[in-house]
Amino acid sequence: MAKEETRPGRSTSPAGSEFFNTLQEMRRDWMARATAEIELSLKLSKKLEAADSVPDAVTAYQEWLNEEMGARAEDARLLMSNGQKFTDATSRYLSSGWRNVGTTT
């Protein structure tokens, strides 16, 4: 019987591939959120630097807070969504491993 070519850290099974792809998707999502967070902070910094008065600074903080609250709501939604994807992919990956326990190669 020919041996399957494997690379360290990568699975050749469909469930393993799905699991790996799910982790990659989660990583991309969180990197995008981190980038958005940095951009939001930079935007606030620029507005505060340009503020000529206390009311201008307060307005900048209010706008930032509104966007920040929206971002936190998006983070919560993403956390729940990714948590579900991770749970589903893990279940499929582990169950595919259990099906192969009794088989001989």
N, C-alpha and C. Protein backbone atom coordinates (compact mmCIF):
# COMPACT_ATOMS: atom_id res chain seq x y z
N MET A 1 0.82 -1.17 0.00
CA MET A 1 0.00 0.00 0.00
C MET A 1 0.87 1.25 0.00
N ALA A 2 0.50 2.23 -0.80
CA ALA A 2 1.27 3.46 -0.86
C ALA A 2 0.93 4.34 0.34
N LYS A 3 1.94 4.99 0.86
CA LYS A 3 1.73 5.89 1.98
C LYS A 3 1.28 7.26 1.45
N GLU A 4 0.40 7.89 2.21
CA GLU A 4 -0.03 9.23 1.85
C GLU A 4 1.06 10.22 2.21
N GLU A 5 1.25 11.21 1.36
CA GLU A 5 2.21 12.26 1.66
C GLU A 5 1.59 13.21 2.65
N THR A 6 2.28 13.46 3.75
CA THR A 6 1.76 14.37 4.75
C THR A 6 2.79 15.44 5.05
N ARG A 7 2.29 16.60 5.40
CA ARG A 7 3.15 17.69 5.83
C ARG A 7 2.88 17.91 7.30
N PRO A 8 3.92 18.26 8.07
CA PRO A 8 3.70 18.51 9.49
C PRO A 8 2.66 19.60 9.69
N GLY A 9 1.73 19.35 10.61
CA GLY A 9 0.74 20.34 10.95
C GLY A 9 -0.45 20.39 9.99
N ARG A 10 -0.44 19.60 8.95
CA ARG A 10 -1.54 19.60 7.98
C ARG A 10 -2.13 18.21 7.91
N SER A 11 -3.43 18.15 7.86
CA SER A 11 -4.12 16.87 7.76
C SER A 11 -4.54 16.64 6.32
N THR A 12 -4.50 15.38 5.90
CA THR A 12 -4.94 15.06 4.55
C THR A 12 -6.39 14.64 4.51
N SER A 13 -7.01 14.45 5.67
CA SER A 13 -8.43 14.06 5.69
C SER A 13 -9.30 15.29 5.42
N PRO A 14 -10.47 15.07 4.84
CA PRO A 14 -11.36 16.21 4.60
C PRO A 14 -11.74 16.95 5.89
N ALA A 15 -11.96 16.20 6.96
CA ALA A 15 -12.32 16.84 8.23
C ALA A 15 -11.15 17.65 8.77
N GLY A 16 -9.95 17.13 8.64
CA GLY A 16 -8.76 17.85 9.09
C GLY A 16 -8.53 19.11 8.28
N SER A 17 -8.77 19.01 6.98
CA SER A 17 -8.64 20.16 6.10
C SER A 17 -9.67 21.22 6.45
N GLU A 18 -10.90 20.79 6.71
CA GLU A 18 -11.96 21.73 7.10
C GLU A 18 -11.60 22.41 8.42
N PHE A 19 -11.07 21.63 9.36
CA PHE A 19 -10.67 22.18 10.65
C PHE A 19 -9.59 23.24 10.46
N PHE A 20 -8.58 22.93 9.65
CA PHE A 20 -7.50 23.88 9.38
C PHE A 20 -8.04 25.13 8.70
N ASN A 21 -8.93 24.96 7.72
CA ASN A 21 -9.52 26.10 7.02
C ASN A 21 -10.34 26.98 7.95
N THR A 22 -11.04 26.35 8.90
CA THR A 22 -11.82 27.10 9.88
C THR A 22 -10.91 27.95 10.74
N LEU A 23 -9.79 27.38 11.18
CA LEU A 23 -8.84 28.14 11.99
C LEU A 23 -8.25 29.30 11.19
N GLN A 24 -7.96 29.08 9.92
CA GLN A 24 -7.42 30.14 9.06
C GLN A 24 -8.44 31.27 8.91
N GLU A 25 -9.69 30.90 8.70
CA GLU A 25 -10.75 31.91 8.54
C GLU A 25 -10.90 32.72 9.82
N MET A 26 -10.85 32.05 10.97
CA MET A 26 -10.96 32.75 12.24
C MET A 26 -9.78 33.72 12.42
N ARG A 27 -8.60 33.29 12.05
CA ARG A 27 -7.41 34.15 12.16
C ARG A 27 -7.58 35.39 11.29
N ARG A 28 -8.04 35.19 10.06
CA ARG A 28 -8.24 36.33 9.15
C ARG A 28 -9.28 37.31 9.71
N ASP A 29 -10.36 36.77 10.25
CA ASP A 29 -11.40 37.62 10.83
C ASP A 29 -10.85 38.47 11.97
N TRP A 30 -10.10 37.86 12.86
CA TRP A 30 -9.59 38.59 14.02
C TRP A 30 -8.49 39.56 13.64
N MET A 31 -7.71 39.24 12.63
CA MET A 31 -6.70 40.20 12.16
C MET A 31 -7.39 41.42 11.54
N ALA A 32 -8.47 41.19 10.82
CA ALA A 32 -9.23 42.30 10.24
C ALA A 32 -9.81 43.17 11.35
N ARG A 33 -10.31 42.56 12.41
CA ARG A 33 -10.86 43.32 13.53
C ARG A 33 -9.76 44.11 14.24
N ALA A 34 -8.58 43.52 14.39
CA ALA A 34 -7.47 44.22 15.03
C ALA A 34 -7.04 45.42 14.19
N THR A 35 -7.01 45.25 12.89
CA THR A 35 -6.67 46.35 11.99
C THR A 35 -7.70 47.47 12.09
N ALA A 36 -8.97 47.10 12.13
CA ALA A 36 -10.04 48.10 12.26
C ALA A 36 -9.91 48.85 13.58
N GLU A 37 -9.52 48.16 14.63
CA GLU A 37 -9.34 48.79 15.94
C GLU A 37 -8.21 49.82 15.90
N ILE A 38 -7.13 49.48 15.24
CA ILE A 38 -6.01 50.41 15.11
C ILE A 38 -6.43 51.63 14.30
N GLU A 39 -7.15 51.41 13.22
CA GLU A 39 -7.61 52.53 12.39
C GLU A 39 -8.55 53.45 13.16
N LEU A 40 -9.42 52.87 13.97
CA LEU A 40 -10.34 53.67 14.78
C LEU A 40 -9.56 54.51 15.79
N SER A 41 -8.54 53.94 16.40
CA SER A 41 -7.72 54.69 17.36
C SER A 41 -6.95 55.82 16.68
N LEU A 42 -6.43 55.54 15.50
CA LEU A 42 -5.71 56.57 14.76
C LEU A 42 -6.64 57.72 14.36
N LYS A 43 -7.85 57.36 13.99
CA LYS A 43 -8.86 58.37 13.61
C LYS A 43 -9.15 59.28 14.80
N LEU A 44 -9.31 58.69 15.99
CA LEU A 44 -9.54 59.48 17.20
C LEU A 44 -8.34 60.38 17.48
N SER A 45 -7.17 59.83 17.37
CA SER A 45 -5.96 60.61 17.64
C SER A 45 -5.87 61.83 16.72
N LYS A 46 -6.17 61.64 15.45
CA LYS A 46 -6.11 62.76 14.49
C LYS A 46 -7.18 63.81 14.81
N LYS A 47 -8.38 63.35 15.19
CA LYS A 47 -9.44 64.30 15.53
C LYS A 47 -9.09 65.09 16.79
N LEU A 48 -8.49 64.42 17.77
CA LEU A 48 -8.11 65.12 19.00
C LEU A 48 -6.99 66.12 18.73
N GLU A 49 -6.08 65.74 17.87
CA GLU A 49 -4.99 66.64 17.52
C GLU A 49 -5.52 67.89 16.81
N ALA A 50 -6.55 67.72 16.00
CA ALA A 50 -7.13 68.84 15.26
C ALA A 50 -8.14 69.65 16.08
N ALA A 51 -8.52 69.13 17.24
CA ALA A 51 -9.53 69.83 18.05
C ALA A 51 -8.97 71.16 18.55
N ASP A 52 -9.78 72.21 18.37
CA ASP A 52 -9.36 73.55 18.79
C ASP A 52 -9.97 73.95 20.13
N SER A 53 -10.95 73.15 20.58
CA SER A 53 -11.63 73.51 21.82
C SER A 53 -12.07 72.23 22.54
N VAL A 54 -12.49 72.42 23.78
CA VAL A 54 -12.97 71.28 24.57
C VAL A 54 -14.20 70.65 23.91
N PRO A 55 -15.17 71.45 23.42
CA PRO A 55 -16.32 70.83 22.76
C PRO A 55 -15.92 69.99 21.53
N ASP A 56 -14.91 70.44 20.79
CA ASP A 56 -14.44 69.65 19.64
C ASP A 56 -13.87 68.30 20.11
N ALA A 57 -13.13 68.34 21.21
CA ALA A 57 -12.56 67.11 21.75
C ALA A 57 -13.66 66.18 22.27
N VAL A 58 -14.66 66.74 22.92
CA VAL A 58 -15.78 65.94 23.43
C VAL A 58 -16.53 65.30 22.27
N THR A 59 -16.75 66.06 21.21
CA THR A 59 -17.43 65.52 20.02
C THR A 59 -16.62 64.37 19.43
N ALA A 60 -15.30 64.54 19.37
CA ALA A 60 -14.43 63.48 18.83
C ALA A 60 -14.55 62.22 19.68
N TYR A 61 -14.55 62.37 21.00
CA TYR A 61 -14.70 61.22 21.88
C TYR A 61 -16.07 60.57 21.74
N GLN A 62 -17.11 61.37 21.58
CA GLN A 62 -18.46 60.82 21.40
C GLN A 62 -18.55 60.00 20.12
N GLU A 63 -17.99 60.52 19.04
CA GLU A 63 -17.98 59.78 17.77
C GLU A 63 -17.19 58.49 17.92
N TRP A 64 -16.04 58.59 18.59
CA TRP A 64 -15.20 57.40 18.79
C TRP A 64 -15.95 56.36 19.62
N LEU A 65 -16.62 56.81 20.68
CA LEU A 65 -17.34 55.89 21.56
C LEU A 65 -18.47 55.18 20.81
N ASN A 66 -19.18 55.90 19.97
CA ASN A 66 -20.25 55.29 19.17
C ASN A 66 -19.66 54.20 18.25
N GLU A 67 -18.57 54.52 17.59
CA GLU A 67 -17.94 53.54 16.70
C GLU A 67 -17.35 52.37 17.50
N GLU A 68 -16.80 52.67 18.65
CA GLU A 68 -16.22 51.64 19.51
C GLU A 68 -17.28 50.67 20.00
N MET A 69 -18.43 51.20 20.39
CA MET A 69 -19.53 50.33 20.85
C MET A 69 -20.01 49.44 19.71
N GLY A 70 -20.11 50.00 18.51
CA GLY A 70 -20.47 49.20 17.34
C GLY A 70 -19.45 48.11 17.07
N ALA A 71 -18.17 48.46 17.23
CA ALA A 71 -17.10 47.48 17.02
C ALA A 71 -17.16 46.36 18.06
N ARG A 72 -17.48 46.71 19.31
CA ARG A 72 -17.58 45.69 20.35
C ARG A 72 -18.76 44.76 20.07
N ALA A 73 -19.86 45.31 19.56
CA ALA A 73 -21.00 44.47 19.20
C ALA A 73 -20.62 43.53 18.06
N GLU A 74 -19.86 44.03 17.09
CA GLU A 74 -19.38 43.19 15.98
C GLU A 74 -18.43 42.12 16.50
N ASP A 75 -17.56 42.48 17.44
CA ASP A 75 -16.65 41.50 18.04
C ASP A 75 -17.43 40.39 18.72
N ALA A 76 -18.46 40.74 19.45
CA ALA A 76 -19.28 39.72 20.14
C ALA A 76 -19.95 38.80 19.13
N ARG A 77 -20.49 39.39 18.06
CA ARG A 77 -21.12 38.58 17.01
C ARG A 77 -20.10 37.65 16.37
N LEU A 78 -18.93 38.18 16.08
CA LEU A 78 -17.87 37.38 15.46
C LEU A 78 -17.39 36.28 16.40
N LEU A 79 -17.28 36.58 17.67
CA LEU A 79 -16.87 35.57 18.65
C LEU A 79 -17.86 34.42 18.70
N MET A 80 -19.14 34.75 18.72
CA MET A 80 -20.15 33.69 18.76
C MET A 80 -20.15 32.88 17.46
N SER A 81 -20.06 33.56 16.35
CA SER A 81 -20.05 32.88 15.05
C SER A 81 -18.83 31.98 14.91
N ASN A 82 -17.66 32.52 15.23
CA ASN A 82 -16.43 31.72 15.13
C ASN A 82 -16.41 30.59 16.14
N GLY A 83 -16.97 30.83 17.32
CA GLY A 83 -17.05 29.77 18.32
C GLY A 83 -17.88 28.60 17.81
N GLN A 84 -18.99 28.92 17.16
CA GLN A 84 -19.85 27.87 16.60
C GLN A 84 -19.13 27.13 15.47
N LYS A 85 -18.48 27.88 14.58
CA LYS A 85 -17.73 27.25 13.48
C LYS A 85 -16.64 26.33 14.04
N PHE A 86 -15.93 26.81 15.06
CA PHE A 86 -14.85 26.03 15.65
C PHE A 86 -15.40 24.75 16.29
N THR A 87 -16.50 24.88 17.02
CA THR A 87 -17.11 23.72 17.65
C THR A 87 -17.56 22.70 16.61
N ASP A 88 -18.21 23.17 15.55
CA ASP A 88 -18.67 22.27 14.49
C ASP A 88 -17.50 21.57 13.80
N ALA A 89 -16.47 22.35 13.45
CA ALA A 89 -15.31 21.76 12.77
C ALA A 89 -14.57 20.78 13.67
N THR A 90 -14.46 21.11 14.96
CA THR A 90 -13.79 20.21 15.90
C THR A 90 -14.58 18.92 16.05
N SER A 91 -15.88 19.03 16.14
CA SER A 91 -16.72 17.82 16.26
C SER A 91 -16.56 16.92 15.05
N ARG A 92 -16.59 17.52 13.86
CA ARG A 92 -16.43 16.71 12.65
C ARG A 92 -15.04 16.09 12.58
N TYR A 93 -14.02 16.86 12.95
CA TYR A 93 -12.65 16.36 12.91
C TYR A 93 -12.46 15.20 13.89
N LEU A 94 -12.95 15.39 15.11
CA LEU A 94 -12.80 14.33 16.11
C LEU A 94 -13.64 13.10 15.78
N SER A 95 -14.84 13.32 15.26
CA SER A 95 -15.68 12.17 14.93
C SER A 95 -15.11 11.39 13.75
N SER A 96 -14.45 12.06 12.82
CA SER A 96 -13.82 11.34 11.70
C SER A 96 -12.65 10.50 12.21
N GLY A 97 -11.97 10.99 13.24
CA GLY A 97 -10.89 10.22 13.84
C GLY A 97 -11.41 8.99 14.54
N TRP A 98 -12.56 9.09 15.21
CA TRP A 98 -13.13 7.95 15.91
C TRP A 98 -13.64 6.89 14.94
N ARG A 99 -14.11 7.30 13.78
CA ARG A 99 -14.57 6.31 12.81
C ARG A 99 -13.42 5.49 12.27
N ASN A 100 -12.24 6.08 12.22
CA ASN A 100 -11.08 5.40 11.66
C ASN A 100 -10.33 4.56 12.69
N VAL A 101 -10.75 4.60 13.96
CA VAL A 101 -10.05 3.85 15.01
C VAL A 101 -10.13 2.36 14.79
N GLY A 102 -11.27 1.87 14.39
CA GLY A 102 -11.45 0.43 14.24
C GLY A 102 -10.97 -0.12 12.92
N THR A 103 -10.58 0.72 11.98
CA THR A 103 -10.15 0.24 10.66
C THR A 103 -8.68 -0.12 10.67
N THR A 104 -8.32 -1.04 9.83
CA THR A 104 -6.90 -1.44 9.71
C THR A 104 -6.37 -0.88 8.41
N THR A 105 -5.07 -0.58 8.42
CA THR A 105 -4.45 -0.04 7.20
C THR A 105 -3.47 -1.00 6.61
